[in-house]
């Protein structure tokens, strides 16, 4: 059974139009809306996205939300800089 894609968020469309090939900072979008907006953008951009979260748990939540909304690329969550490999 295939899932229907979710419709695109207007904020993603506006942000993509404003980018025009440059860089942007997105703030004030939280929860599942952030994952949805990033997944929409990833599907339209021909380059990787870098998302910075303040806490490891927040990074995991964002990555999970992006997967729910059909993120087609790889989502990698890197450990905090102060965590050393054992």
Protein backbone atom coordinates (compact mmCIF):
# COMPACT_ATOMS: atom_id res chain seq x y z
CA UNK A 1 0.00 0.00 0.00
CA UNK A 2 1.53 3.34 -1.02
CA UNK A 3 1.02 6.50 0.98
CA UNK A 4 -0.13 9.74 -0.59
CA UNK A 5 2.42 12.51 -0.16
CA UNK A 6 1.50 15.31 2.20
CA UNK A 7 0.83 18.66 0.51
CA UNK A 8 3.68 21.19 0.66
CA UNK A 9 3.67 23.86 3.38
CA UNK A 10 3.41 27.46 2.14
CA UNK A 11 6.38 28.42 4.36
CA UNK A 12 8.59 25.97 2.45
CA UNK A 13 7.50 27.44 -0.89
CA UNK A 14 8.19 31.00 0.34
CA UNK A 15 11.58 30.06 1.75
CA UNK A 16 12.60 28.28 -1.44
CA UNK A 17 11.64 31.34 -3.49
CA UNK A 18 13.62 33.62 -1.16
CA UNK A 19 16.70 31.39 -1.21
CA UNK A 20 17.42 31.90 -4.89
CA UNK A 21 20.51 29.70 -4.61
CA UNK A 22 21.80 31.36 -1.43
CA UNK A 23 21.78 30.38 2.22
CA UNK A 24 19.07 30.97 4.79
CA UNK A 25 18.36 30.59 8.48
CA UNK A 26 14.98 29.21 9.47
CA UNK A 27 13.80 29.79 13.02
CA UNK A 28 10.48 29.93 14.79
CA UNK A 29 9.23 26.71 13.16
CA UNK A 30 9.09 23.87 15.68
CA UNK A 31 7.70 20.40 16.23
CA UNK A 32 6.50 18.37 13.29
CA UNK A 33 6.15 21.56 11.20
CA UNK A 34 9.94 21.86 11.12
CA UNK A 35 10.39 18.29 9.87
CA UNK A 36 7.69 18.83 7.24
CA UNK A 37 9.21 22.12 6.04
CA UNK A 38 12.70 20.60 5.80
CA UNK A 39 11.43 17.52 3.96
CA UNK A 40 9.59 19.77 1.47
CA UNK A 41 12.72 21.82 0.90
CA UNK A 42 15.00 18.81 0.55
CA UNK A 43 12.83 17.44 -2.21
CA UNK A 44 13.22 20.64 -4.24
CA UNK A 45 16.85 21.58 -3.57
CA UNK A 46 19.76 20.11 -5.47
CA UNK A 47 22.05 20.31 -2.46
CA UNK A 48 22.27 19.01 1.10
CA UNK A 49 20.60 20.66 4.08
CA UNK A 50 22.43 21.32 7.34
CA UNK A 51 20.18 21.48 10.39
CA UNK A 52 21.67 22.41 13.76
CA UNK A 53 19.79 21.50 16.94
CA UNK A 54 20.57 22.62 20.48
CA UNK A 55 20.13 19.17 22.06
CA UNK A 56 20.80 15.61 20.82
CA UNK A 57 17.19 14.62 21.56
CA UNK A 58 15.93 17.51 19.44
CA UNK A 59 18.17 16.39 16.55
CA UNK A 60 16.74 12.87 16.78
CA UNK A 61 13.17 14.22 16.81
CA UNK A 62 13.79 16.40 13.76
CA UNK A 63 15.35 13.48 11.86
CA UNK A 64 12.38 11.25 12.72
CA UNK A 65 9.89 13.92 11.61
CA UNK A 66 11.75 14.39 8.33
CA UNK A 67 11.52 10.65 7.66
CA UNK A 68 7.79 10.62 8.42
CA UNK A 69 7.23 13.34 5.83
CA UNK A 70 9.13 11.52 3.09
CA UNK A 71 12.68 12.86 3.26
CA UNK A 72 14.18 11.20 0.22
CA UNK A 73 17.86 11.69 1.08
CA UNK A 74 19.95 10.38 3.90
CA UNK A 75 19.45 11.94 7.30
CA UNK A 76 22.53 11.81 9.50
CA UNK A 77 22.59 12.83 13.15
CA UNK A 78 26.06 13.60 14.40
CA UNK A 79 26.93 13.35 18.09
CA UNK A 80 27.56 16.46 20.14
CA UNK A 81 31.09 17.85 19.84
CA UNK A 82 31.82 17.12 23.48
CA UNK A 83 31.09 13.38 23.14
CA UNK A 84 34.24 11.43 22.38
CA UNK A 85 34.20 7.96 20.81
CA UNK A 86 35.06 5.16 23.21
